[in-house]
C-alpha atoms as a PDB file:
ATOM      1  CA  MET A   1      -1.412  55.324  47.675  1.00  0.00           C
ATOM      2  CA  THR A   2      -2.927  53.719  50.736  1.00  0.00           C
ATOM      3  CA  GLU A   3      -6.730  53.655  50.615  1.00  0.00           C
ATOM      4  CA  GLN A   4      -8.315  55.383  53.624  1.00  0.00           C
ATOM      5  CA  THR A   5     -11.562  53.831  54.862  1.00  0.00           C
ATOM      6  CA  SER A   6     -14.029  55.426  57.272  1.00  0.00           C
ATOM      7  CA  PRO A   7     -12.763  55.738  60.849  1.00  0.00           C
ATOM      8  CA  HIS A   8     -14.502  54.150  63.785  1.00  0.00           C
ATOM      9  CA  LEU A   9     -14.672  56.443  66.841  1.00  0.00           C
ATOM     10  CA  GLU A  10     -15.064  55.187  70.372  1.00  0.00           C
ATOM     11  CA  ILE A  11     -15.419  57.314  73.501  1.00  0.00           C
ATOM     12  CA  ARG A  12     -14.136  55.800  76.724  1.00  0.00           C
ATOM     13  CA  THR A  13     -13.810  56.943  80.342  1.00  0.00           C
ATOM     14  CA  SER A  14     -10.620  54.882  80.759  1.00  0.00           C
ATOM     15  CA  LEU A  15      -8.138  52.987  78.630  1.00  0.00           C
ATOM     16  CA  THR A  16      -6.878  49.442  78.850  1.00  0.00           C
ATOM     17  CA  PRO A  17      -3.103  49.096  79.359  1.00  0.00           C
ATOM     18  CA  ALA A  18      -2.797  47.962  75.732  1.00  0.00           C
ATOM     19  CA  GLN A  19      -4.717  50.992  74.477  1.00  0.00           C
ATOM     20  CA  ALA A  20      -2.663  53.366  76.617  1.00  0.00           C
ATOM     21  CA  ALA A  21       0.537  51.848  75.214  1.00  0.00           C
ATOM     22  CA  GLU A  22      -0.779  52.212  71.658  1.00  0.00           C
ATOM     23  CA  VAL A  23      -1.665  55.880  72.215  1.00  0.00           C
ATOM     24  CA  ARG A  24       1.839  56.521  73.591  1.00  0.00           C
ATOM     25  CA  ASP A  25       3.320  54.918  70.476  1.00  0.00           C
ATOM     26  CA  LEU A  26       1.019  57.034  68.292  1.00  0.00           C
ATOM     27  CA  ALA A  27       2.169  60.190  70.112  1.00  0.00           C
ATOM     28  CA  ARG A  28       5.837  59.208  69.641  1.00  0.00           C
ATOM     29  CA  ARG A  29       5.363  58.680  65.903  1.00  0.00           C
ATOM     30  CA  ALA A  30       3.574  61.998  65.531  1.00  0.00           C
ATOM     31  CA  ALA A  31       6.305  63.783  67.503  1.00  0.00           C
ATOM     32  CA  ASP A  32       8.996  62.246  65.290  1.00  0.00           C
ATOM     33  CA  ALA A  33       7.139  63.449  62.201  1.00  0.00           C
ATOM     34  CA  ASP A  34       6.365  66.970  63.455  1.00  0.00           C
ATOM     35  CA  GLY A  35       9.425  67.769  65.566  1.00  0.00           C
ATOM     36  CA  VAL A  36       7.241  68.740  68.566  1.00  0.00           C
ATOM     37  CA  GLU A  37       5.532  66.716  71.268  1.00  0.00           C
ATOM     38  CA  ALA A  38       2.048  65.615  70.231  1.00  0.00           C
ATOM     39  CA  LEU A  39       0.630  65.205  73.750  1.00  0.00           C
ATOM     40  CA  SER A  40       1.522  66.977  76.980  1.00  0.00           C
ATOM     41  CA  GLU A  41       2.991  65.230  80.009  1.00  0.00           C
ATOM     42  CA  GLN A  42      -0.309  65.763  81.826  1.00  0.00           C
ATOM     43  CA  THR A  43      -2.264  63.923  79.139  1.00  0.00           C
ATOM     44  CA  LEU A  44       0.266  61.094  78.948  1.00  0.00           C
ATOM     45  CA  LEU A  45      -0.047  60.583  82.709  1.00  0.00           C
ATOM     46  CA  HIS A  46      -3.840  60.565  82.413  1.00  0.00           C
ATOM     47  CA  LEU A  47      -3.754  57.670  79.939  1.00  0.00           C
ATOM     48  CA  ASP A  48      -3.541  55.392  82.976  1.00  0.00           C
ATOM     49  CA  ALA A  49      -6.144  57.249  85.056  1.00  0.00           C
ATOM     50  CA  ALA A  50      -9.087  55.433  86.598  1.00  0.00           C
ATOM     51  CA  PRO A  51     -12.558  56.157  85.168  1.00  0.00           C
ATOM     52  CA  GLY A  52     -13.689  59.627  86.174  1.00  0.00           C
ATOM     53  CA  ALA A  53     -13.104  63.101  84.816  1.00  0.00           C
ATOM     54  CA  HIS A  54     -11.250  62.122  81.631  1.00  0.00           C
ATOM     55  CA  ARG A  55     -12.691  61.240  78.249  1.00  0.00           C
ATOM     56  CA  HIS A  56     -10.641  59.390  75.668  1.00  0.00           C
ATOM     57  CA  VAL A  57     -11.713  59.366  72.012  1.00  0.00           C
ATOM     58  CA  LEU A  58     -10.061  56.595  70.008  1.00  0.00           C
ATOM     59  CA  ALA A  59     -10.090  56.365  66.236  1.00  0.00           C
ATOM     60  CA  GLY A  60      -9.442  53.183  64.303  1.00  0.00           C
ATOM     61  CA  LEU A  61     -10.197  51.922  60.808  1.00  0.00           C
ATOM     62  CA  GLU A  62     -13.228  49.754  60.226  1.00  0.00           C
ATOM     63  CA  GLY A  63     -12.597  46.123  59.428  1.00  0.00           C
ATOM     64  CA  GLY A  64      -9.437  45.571  61.486  1.00  0.00           C
ATOM     65  CA  ASN A  65      -8.864  43.114  64.270  1.00  0.00           C
ATOM     66  CA  ASP A  66     -11.086  43.907  67.242  1.00  0.00           C
ATOM     67  CA  ALA A  67      -9.040  44.731  70.363  1.00  0.00           C
ATOM     68  CA  GLY A  68     -10.706  46.072  73.488  1.00  0.00           C
ATOM     69  CA  GLY A  69     -13.639  47.443  71.476  1.00  0.00           C
ATOM     70  CA  MET A  70     -11.543  49.240  68.839  1.00  0.00           C
ATOM     71  CA  HIS A  71     -11.441  48.138  65.203  1.00  0.00           C
ATOM     72  CA  GLY A  72      -7.849  47.839  64.063  1.00  0.00           C
ATOM     73  CA  ALA A  73      -4.878  49.924  65.135  1.00  0.00           C
ATOM     74  CA  ILE A  74      -5.458  53.279  66.814  1.00  0.00           C
ATOM     75  CA  ILE A  75      -4.764  55.970  64.195  1.00  0.00           C
ATOM     76  CA  GLY A  76      -6.125  58.966  66.105  1.00  0.00           C
ATOM     77  CA  TYR A  77      -6.723  60.029  69.682  1.00  0.00           C
ATOM     78  CA  ALA A  78      -8.308  62.928  71.549  1.00  0.00           C
ATOM     79  CA  HIS A  79      -8.157  63.602  75.278  1.00  0.00           C
ATOM     80  CA  LEU A  80     -10.563  65.807  77.186  1.00  0.00           C
ATOM     81  CA  ASP A  81     -10.764  66.679  80.848  1.00  0.00           C
ATOM     82  CA  HIS A  82     -14.534  66.520  81.068  1.00  0.00           C
ATOM     83  CA  THR A  83     -14.666  68.726  84.167  1.00  0.00           C
ATOM     84  CA  ASP A  84     -12.985  71.827  82.739  1.00  0.00           C
ATOM     85  CA  PRO A  85     -13.347  72.926  79.096  1.00  0.00           C
ATOM     86  CA  GLU A  86     -10.702  75.637  79.597  1.00  0.00           C
ATOM     87  CA  ALA A  87      -8.090  72.963  80.291  1.00  0.00           C
ATOM     88  CA  GLY A  88      -8.098  72.195  76.581  1.00  0.00           C
ATOM     89  CA  ALA A  89      -8.426  69.006  74.609  1.00  0.00           C
ATOM     90  CA  GLU A  90      -5.459  67.449  72.835  1.00  0.00           C
ATOM     91  CA  ILE A  91      -5.691  65.647  69.494  1.00  0.00           C
ATOM     92  CA  VAL A  92      -3.139  63.533  67.671  1.00  0.00           C
ATOM     93  CA  VAL A  93      -3.465  61.799  64.305  1.00  0.00           C
ATOM     94  CA  ALA A  94      -1.065  59.236  62.869  1.00  0.00           C
ATOM     95  CA  PRO A  95       1.183  60.847  60.223  1.00  0.00           C
ATOM     96  CA  GLU A  96       0.067  58.359  57.560  1.00  0.00           C
ATOM     97  CA  SER A  97      -3.638  59.021  58.281  1.00  0.00           C
ATOM     98  CA  ARG A  98      -3.704  62.806  57.974  1.00  0.00           C
ATOM     99  CA  ARG A  99      -5.561  64.978  55.457  1.00  0.00           C
ATOM    100  CA  HIS A 100      -8.586  62.664  55.503  1.00  0.00           C
ATOM    101  CA  GLY A 101     -10.729  64.565  58.000  1.00  0.00           C
ATOM    102  CA  LEU A 102      -9.774  62.465  61.010  1.00  0.00           C
ATOM    103  CA  GLY A 103      -8.707  65.450  63.125  1.00  0.00           C
ATOM    104  CA  THR A 104     -12.006  67.150  62.358  1.00  0.00           C
ATOM    105  CA  ALA A 105     -13.909  63.983  63.275  1.00  0.00           C
ATOM    106  CA  LEU A 106     -12.085  63.760  66.611  1.00  0.00           C
ATOM    107  CA  TRP A 107     -12.742  67.445  67.301  1.00  0.00           C
ATOM    108  CA  GLY A 108     -16.412  66.884  66.495  1.00  0.00           C
ATOM    109  CA  ALA A 109     -16.546  64.092  69.071  1.00  0.00           C
ATOM    110  CA  VAL A 110     -14.923  66.391  71.647  1.00  0.00           C
ATOM    111  CA  THR A 111     -17.353  69.247  71.030  1.00  0.00           C
ATOM    112  CA  ASP A 112     -20.295  66.848  71.147  1.00  0.00           C
ATOM    113  CA  LEU A 113     -19.190  66.134  74.734  1.00  0.00           C
ATOM    114  CA  VAL A 114     -18.332  69.741  75.647  1.00  0.00           C
ATOM    115  CA  PRO A 115     -19.555  72.317  73.101  1.00  0.00           C
ATOM    116  CA  ASP A 116     -17.272  75.106  74.389  1.00  0.00           C
ATOM    117  CA  ALA A 117     -14.150  72.935  74.574  1.00  0.00           C
ATOM    118  CA  ARG A 118     -10.740  74.313  73.666  1.00  0.00           C
ATOM    119  CA  VAL A 119      -7.907  72.496  71.913  1.00  0.00           C
ATOM    120  CA  TRP A 120      -4.114  72.747  72.131  1.00  0.00           C
ATOM    121  CA  ALA A 121      -1.707  72.895  69.206  1.00  0.00           C
ATOM    122  CA  HIS A 122       1.797  72.101  70.433  1.00  0.00           C
ATOM    123  CA  GLY A 123       4.445  74.008  68.521  1.00  0.00           C
ATOM    124  CA  ASP A 124       1.733  75.816  66.521  1.00  0.00           C
ATOM    125  CA  VAL A 125       2.987  74.047  63.390  1.00  0.00           C
ATOM    126  CA  PRO A 126       1.489  75.231  60.061  1.00  0.00           C
ATOM    127  CA  PRO A 127      -0.829  72.195  59.544  1.00  0.00           C
ATOM    128  CA  ALA A 128      -2.380  72.810  62.976  1.00  0.00           C
ATOM    129  CA  SER A 129      -2.950  76.517  62.403  1.00  0.00           C
ATOM    130  CA  ALA A 130      -4.406  75.788  58.955  1.00  0.00           C
ATOM    131  CA  TRP A 131      -6.770  73.207  60.451  1.00  0.00           C
ATOM    132  CA  ALA A 132      -7.820  75.665  63.192  1.00  0.00           C
ATOM    133  CA  GLU A 133      -8.552  78.359  60.618  1.00  0.00           C
ATOM    134  CA  HIS A 134     -10.593  75.882  58.549  1.00  0.00           C
ATOM    135  CA  ALA A 135     -12.525  74.895  61.686  1.00  0.00           C
ATOM    136  CA  GLY A 136     -13.284  78.533  62.498  1.00  0.00           C
ATOM    137  CA  LEU A 137     -11.195  78.570  65.684  1.00  0.00           C
ATOM    138  CA  ARG A 138      -9.208  81.475  67.128  1.00  0.00           C
ATOM    139  CA  VAL A 139      -6.235  81.664  69.486  1.00  0.00           C
ATOM    140  CA  VAL A 140      -7.340  82.192  73.109  1.00  0.00           C
ATOM    141  CA  ARG A 141      -4.149  81.299  74.983  1.00  0.00           C
ATOM    142  CA  GLU A 142      -0.425  81.128  74.305  1.00  0.00           C
ATOM    143  CA  LEU A 143       2.152  79.064  76.167  1.00  0.00           C
ATOM    144  CA  LEU A 144       5.763  80.042  75.511  1.00  0.00           C
ATOM    145  CA  ARG A 145       8.674  77.656  75.784  1.00  0.00           C
ATOM    146  CA  MET A 146      11.835  79.499  76.786  1.00  0.00           C
ATOM    147  CA  ALA A 147      15.441  78.425  77.300  1.00  0.00           C
ATOM    148  CA  ARG A 148      18.856  79.672  78.386  1.00  0.00           C
ATOM    149  CA  PRO A 149      22.339  78.192  78.849  1.00  0.00           C
ATOM    150  CA  LEU A 150      23.272  77.129  82.388  1.00  0.00           C
ATOM    151  CA  GLU A 151      26.868  78.269  82.049  1.00  0.00           C
ATOM    152  CA  GLY A 152      27.921  80.483  84.966  1.00  0.00           C
ATOM    153  CA  LEU A 153      25.013  79.590  87.253  1.00  0.00           C
ATOM    154  CA  ALA A 154      26.662  76.891  89.385  1.00  0.00           C
ATOM    155  CA  ASP A 155      27.737  79.565  91.883  1.00  0.00           C
ATOM    156  CA  ALA A 156      24.740  81.873  91.512  1.00  0.00           C
ATOM    157  CA  ALA A 157      23.964  83.904  94.648  1.00  0.00           C
ATOM    158  CA  VAL A 158      20.476  83.417  96.067  1.00  0.00           C
ATOM    159  CA  ASP A 159      19.132  86.260  98.207  1.00  0.00           C
ATOM    160  CA  LEU A 160      16.167  85.514 100.461  1.00  0.00           C
ATOM    161  CA  PRO A 161      14.412  88.023 102.751  1.00  0.00           C
ATOM    162  CA  GLU A 162      15.624  87.999 106.347  1.00  0.00           C
ATOM    163  CA  GLY A 163      14.300  85.019 108.263  1.00  0.00           C
ATOM    164  CA  TYR A 164      13.237  83.075 105.136  1.00  0.00           C
ATOM    165  CA  THR A 165      14.894  79.694 104.573  1.00  0.00           C
ATOM    166  CA  ALA A 166      15.234  77.288 101.662  1.00  0.00           C
ATOM    167  CA  ARG A 167      15.135  73.501 101.856  1.00  0.00           C
ATOM    168  CA  THR A 168      14.309  70.551  99.620  1.00  0.00           C
ATOM    169  CA  PHE A 169      11.199  68.398  99.485  1.00  0.00           C
ATOM    170  CA  ALA A 170      10.971  65.556 101.998  1.00  0.00           C
ATOM    171  CA  ARG A 171      12.175  62.168 100.794  1.00  0.00           C
ATOM    172  CA  ALA A 172       9.998  59.072 100.683  1.00  0.00           C
ATOM    173  CA  ASP A 173      11.084  56.790 103.529  1.00  0.00           C
ATOM    174  CA  GLU A 174       9.716  53.889 105.530  1.00  0.00           C
ATOM    175  CA  GLN A 175      10.295  55.681 108.825  1.00  0.00           C
ATOM    176  CA  ALA A 176       7.081  56.994 110.359  1.00  0.00           C
ATOM    177  CA  ASP A 177       8.515  60.493 110.930  1.00  0.00           C
ATOM    178  CA  ALA A 178       9.767  60.694 107.350  1.00  0.00           C
ATOM    179  CA  ARG A 179       6.382  59.588 105.999  1.00  0.00           C
ATOM    180  CA  ALA A 180       4.705  62.294 108.074  1.00  0.00           C
ATOM    181  CA  ASP A 181       7.148  64.933 106.790  1.00  0.00           C
ATOM    182  CA  LEU A 182       6.531  63.860 103.222  1.00  0.00           C
ATOM    183  CA  GLU A 183       2.760  63.986 103.631  1.00  0.00           C
ATOM    184  CA  ALA A 184       3.022  67.430 105.240  1.00  0.00           C
ATOM    185  CA  ASP A 185       5.117  68.710 102.314  1.00  0.00           C
ATOM    186  CA  ILE A 186       2.685  67.275  99.761  1.00  0.00           C
ATOM    187  CA  GLN A 187      -0.337  68.863 101.423  1.00  0.00           C
ATOM    188  CA  ALA A 188       1.408  72.218 101.959  1.00  0.00           C
ATOM    189  CA  TRP A 189       2.590  72.277  98.357  1.00  0.00           C
ATOM    190  CA  VAL A 190      -0.866  71.421  96.952  1.00  0.00           C
ATOM    191  CA  ALA A 191      -2.439  74.216  99.000  1.00  0.00           C
ATOM    192  CA  LEU A 192       0.159  76.812  97.965  1.00  0.00           C
ATOM    193  CA  ASN A 193       0.119  75.704  94.339  1.00  0.00           C
ATOM    194  CA  ALA A 194      -3.663  76.177  94.246  1.00  0.00           C
ATOM    195  CA  ARG A 195      -3.281  79.718  95.604  1.00  0.00           C
ATOM    196  CA  ALA A 196      -0.379  80.622  93.344  1.00  0.00           C
ATOM    197  CA  PHE A 197      -2.153  79.328  90.230  1.00  0.00           C
ATOM    198  CA  ALA A 198      -5.777  80.082  91.106  1.00  0.00           C
ATOM    199  CA  THR A 199      -6.455  81.303  87.558  1.00  0.00           C
ATOM    200  CA  HIS A 200      -4.434  78.596  85.791  1.00  0.00           C
ATOM    201  CA  ALA A 201      -6.642  75.938  84.208  1.00  0.00           C
ATOM    202  CA  GLU A 202      -4.244  72.993  84.610  1.00  0.00           C
ATOM    203  CA  GLN A 203      -1.584  73.799  87.189  1.00  0.00           C
ATOM    204  CA  GLY A 204      -3.805  75.228  89.906  1.00  0.00           C
ATOM    205  CA  ARG A 205      -5.932  72.140  90.338  1.00  0.00           C
ATOM    206  CA  MET A 206      -3.153  69.627  90.892  1.00  0.00           C
ATOM    207  CA  THR A 207      -3.988  67.212  93.701  1.00  0.00           C
ATOM    208  CA  ALA A 208      -1.935  65.165  96.127  1.00  0.00           C
ATOM    209  CA  ALA A 209      -2.551  62.191  93.832  1.00  0.00           C
ATOM    210  CA  ASP A 210      -1.078  64.169  90.920  1.00  0.00           C
ATOM    211  CA  VAL A 211       2.036  64.909  92.998  1.00  0.00           C
ATOM    212  CA  ARG A 212       2.434  61.246  93.923  1.00  0.00           C
ATOM    213  CA  ALA A 213       2.037  60.220  90.268  1.00  0.00           C
ATOM    214  CA  ARG A 214       4.934  62.494  89.343  1.00  0.00           C
ATOM    215  CA  MET A 215       6.984  61.236  92.281  1.00  0.00           C
ATOM    216  CA  ALA A 216       6.680  57.775  90.714  1.00  0.00           C
ATOM    217  CA  GLU A 217       8.170  59.011  87.424  1.00  0.00           C
ATOM    218  CA  PRO A 218      11.837  58.108  86.727  1.00  0.00           C
ATOM    219  CA  TRP A 219      12.835  61.786  86.518  1.00  0.00           C
ATOM    220  CA  PHE A 220      11.578  62.795  89.978  1.00  0.00           C
ATOM    221  CA  ASP A 221      14.309  63.910  92.402  1.00  0.00           C
ATOM    222  CA  ALA A 222      13.464  65.359  95.807  1.00  0.00           C
ATOM    223  CA  ASP A 223      16.860  67.114  95.823  1.00  0.00           C
ATOM    224  CA  GLY A 224      15.685  69.187  92.869  1.00  0.00           C
ATOM    225  CA  PHE A 225      12.389  70.240  94.482  1.00  0.00           C
ATOM    226  CA  PHE A 226      13.056  73.450  96.432  1.00  0.00           C
ATOM    227  CA  LEU A 227      10.776  74.921  99.089  1.00  0.00           C
ATOM    228  CA  VAL A 228      11.016  78.352 100.738  1.00  0.00           C
ATOM    229  CA  ASP A 229       9.567  78.846 104.235  1.00  0.00           C
ATOM    230  CA  ASP A 230       8.804  82.155 105.948  1.00  0.00           C
ATOM    231  CA  PRO A 231      10.099  82.949 109.471  1.00  0.00           C
ATOM    232  CA  GLU A 232       7.075  81.129 110.966  1.00  0.00           C
ATOM    233  CA  GLY A 233       7.806  77.971 108.962  1.00  0.00           C
ATOM    234  CA  ARG A 234       4.980  78.403 106.426  1.00  0.00           C
ATOM    235  CA  LEU A 235       5.642  77.394 102.839  1.00  0.00           C
ATOM    236  CA  VAL A 236       5.552  80.547 100.696  1.00  0.00           C
ATOM    237  CA  ALA A 237       7.444  79.693  97.502  1.00  0.00           C
ATOM    238  CA  PHE A 238       8.774  76.707  95.569  1.00  0.00           C
ATOM    239  CA  HIS A 239      10.724  75.639  92.516  1.00  0.00           C
ATOM    240  CA  TRP A 240      10.232  72.111  91.222  1.00  0.00           C
ATOM    241  CA  THR A 241      12.938  71.195  88.692  1.00  0.00           C
ATOM    242  CA  LYS A 242      13.066  68.308  86.263  1.00  0.00           C
ATOM    243  CA  ILE A 243      15.933  66.556  84.494  1.00  0.00           C
ATOM    244  CA  GLU A 244      15.037  64.304  81.585  1.00  0.00           C
ATOM    245  CA  ASP A 245      16.928  63.241  78.465  1.00  0.00           C
ATOM    246  CA  GLY A 246      19.956  65.265  79.537  1.00  0.00           C
ATOM    247  CA  GLU A 247      18.128  68.590  79.757  1.00  0.00           C
ATOM    248  CA  GLY A 248      16.964  70.591  82.740  1.00  0.00           C
ATOM    249  CA  GLU A 249      13.529  72.141  83.112  1.00  0.00           C
ATOM    250  CA  VAL A 250      12.000  74.743  85.373  1.00  0.00           C
ATOM    251  CA  TYR A 251       9.042  72.433  85.933  1.00  0.00           C
ATOM    252  CA  VAL A 252       7.055  74.928  88.006  1.00  0.00           C
ATOM    253  CA  VAL A 253       7.804  77.977  90.166  1.00  0.00           C
ATOM    254  CA  GLY A 254       5.183  79.367  92.512  1.00  0.00           C
ATOM    255  CA  VAL A 255       4.924  82.166  95.088  1.00  0.00           C
ATOM    256  CA  ASP A 256       2.234  82.867  97.661  1.00  0.00           C
ATOM    257  CA  PRO A 257       0.158  85.756  96.225  1.00  0.00           C
ATOM    258  CA  ASP A 258       0.381  87.496  99.621  1.00  0.00           C
ATOM    259  CA  ARG A 259       4.214  87.490  99.400  1.00  0.00           C
ATOM    260  CA  GLN A 260       4.603  89.005  95.950  1.00  0.00           C
ATOM    261  CA  GLY A 261       7.173  91.786  95.688  1.00  0.00           C
ATOM    262  CA  LEU A 262       9.710  90.230  98.086  1.00  0.00           C
ATOM    263  CA  GLY A 263      11.905  88.739  95.362  1.00  0.00           C
ATOM    264  CA  LEU A 264      10.846  85.189  96.214  1.00  0.00           C
ATOM    265  CA  GLY A 265      10.146  84.250  92.592  1.00  0.00           C
ATOM    266  CA  LYS A 266      13.644  85.212  91.479  1.00  0.00           C
ATOM    267  CA  ALA A 267      15.239  83.542  94.507  1.00  0.00           C
ATOM    268  CA  ALA A 268      13.311  80.305  94.017  1.00  0.00           C
ATOM    269  CA  THR A 269      14.131  80.287  90.314  1.00  0.00           C
ATOM    270  CA  LEU A 270      17.850  80.742  91.014  1.00  0.00           C
ATOM    271  CA  LEU A 271      17.826  77.928  93.576  1.00  0.00           C
ATOM    272  CA  GLY A 272      16.698  75.546  90.851  1.00  0.00           C
ATOM    273  CA  LEU A 273      18.928  76.933  88.124  1.00  0.00           C
ATOM    274  CA  ARG A 274      21.970  76.607  90.381  1.00  0.00           C
ATOM    275  CA  HIS A 275      21.029  72.985  91.127  1.00  0.00           C
ATOM    276  CA  LEU A 276      20.664  72.175  87.415  1.00  0.00           C
ATOM    277  CA  ALA A 277      23.974  73.885  86.588  1.00  0.00           C
ATOM    278  CA  ARG A 278      25.745  71.888  89.289  1.00  0.00           C
ATOM    279  CA  ALA A 279      24.285  68.722  87.746  1.00  0.00           C
ATOM    280  CA  GLY A 280      26.435  69.472  84.690  1.00  0.00           C
ATOM    281  CA  LEU A 281      23.594  70.283  82.301  1.00  0.00           C
ATOM    282  CA  ALA A 282      24.129  72.662  79.398  1.00  0.00           C
ATOM    283  CA  ARG A 283      20.634  74.132  79.022  1.00  0.00           C
ATOM    284  CA  VAL A 284      17.412  74.694  80.919  1.00  0.00           C
ATOM    285  CA  THR A 285      13.929  75.203  79.493  1.00  0.00           C
ATOM    286  CA  LEU A 286      10.566  76.276  80.888  1.00  0.00           C
ATOM    287  CA  TYR A 287       6.962  76.932  79.925  1.00  0.00           C
ATOM    288  CA  VAL A 288       5.140  80.158  80.805  1.00  0.00           C
ATOM    289  CA  ASP A 289       1.767  81.605  79.858  1.00  0.00           C
ATOM    290  CA  GLY A 290       1.991  84.433  77.364  1.00  0.00           C
ATOM    291  CA  ASP A 291      -0.167  86.707  79.521  1.00  0.00           C
ATOM    292  CA  ASN A 292       1.879  86.174  82.702  1.00  0.00           C
ATOM    293  CA  ALA A 293       3.697  89.494  82.470  1.00  0.00           C
ATOM    294  CA  ALA A 294       5.409  89.238  85.864  1.00  0.00           C
ATOM    295  CA  ALA A 295       6.849  85.774  85.203  1.00  0.00           C
ATOM    296  CA  LEU A 296       7.907  86.709  81.673  1.00  0.00           C
ATOM    297  CA  ALA A 297       9.733  89.762  82.967  1.00  0.00           C
ATOM    298  CA  THR A 298      11.527  87.686  85.625  1.00  0.00           C
ATOM    299  CA  TYR A 299      12.584  85.015  83.153  1.00  0.00           C
ATOM    300  CA  ARG A 300      13.768  87.520  80.565  1.00  0.00           C
ATOM    301  CA  ARG A 301      15.865  89.309  83.201  1.00  0.00           C
ATOM    302  CA  LEU A 302      17.385  85.913  83.993  1.00  0.00           C
ATOM    303  CA  GLY A 303      18.403  85.450  80.365  1.00  0.00           C
ATOM    304  CA  PHE A 304      15.633  83.202  79.018  1.00  0.00           C
ATOM    305  CA  GLU A 305      14.585  83.532  75.378  1.00  0.00           C
ATOM    306  CA  ARG A 306      11.586  82.088  73.560  1.00  0.00           C
ATOM    307  CA  ILE A 307      12.253  78.959  71.505  1.00  0.00           C
ATOM    308  CA  SER A 308       8.732  77.739  70.648  1.00  0.00           C
ATOM    309  CA  LEU A 309       5.054  78.434  71.177  1.00  0.00           C
ATOM    310  CA  ASP A 310       2.021  76.298  72.025  1.00  0.00           C
ATOM    311  CA  VAL A 311      -1.383  77.806  71.351  1.00  0.00           C
ATOM    312  CA  GLN A 312      -4.877  76.997  72.540  1.00  0.00           C
ATOM    313  CA  TYR A 313      -7.787  77.450  70.144  1.00  0.00           C
ATOM    314  CA  ALA A 314     -11.503  77.970  70.766  1.00  0.00           C
ATOM    315  CA  ALA A 315     -14.548  78.895  68.719  1.00  0.00           C
END
């Protein structure tokens, strides 16, 4: 049996490139052990963020080689968006270092920073729910992962209200006009996204910088980012798709709250599903809040079924 010594915790406002790489490796090892992702895409992107809203709690064993302030290899990590406790912290512990109180120590560091913080459990695996019960936490939010086959959707009919038009996101280009179009699409999308997700802790506060960070990811494809304009040319709905590791994803669908009831959500969703089907993919997945009754009803009518569940805990 490997002897477990006391962990050393360090709270940082930013990570070095080496630390960020080590946390990514830790998350990969935990995901391989648990069968679910340990950290969300949002948190993984924030590993490289400049000092500011984020807090990173690193755990290492005492007595190791000092690297960037940490003692030894990183065996545990917690991320917290310091500006919004409802966004939820995320905690990951190395598989070989579990059942020694490290998760509880990381959670203690998080709640020392923000006493009313929440924490995500991806996949709601039994060890996580047992830990939450031991810590006196209760479920306050559920995020469903749903999926459906893409067979038969390559020729799906998309019905938009009269005068409404669909297009794709502007492409990055060196031409001045193209740069202006791209900037206009980014700003219009950020504004609409904020309105569509005004009560959503993570999605609704995405910034232009967040959009550009995702545009720099290998999976980004402007041809899979659909925008719907009203007869006056105002952006009123969108469907951002994602293809990664051979699988399609409904990355995010949004509709202007003032245009609800026109069928724009279904139309935007079908635009993306048709695109993913034509790309030759077999399956598409999505995430949706468990209390979003309208979205759940739309997705179920479109043939989506639940395949997993993430839960958020709070005291």
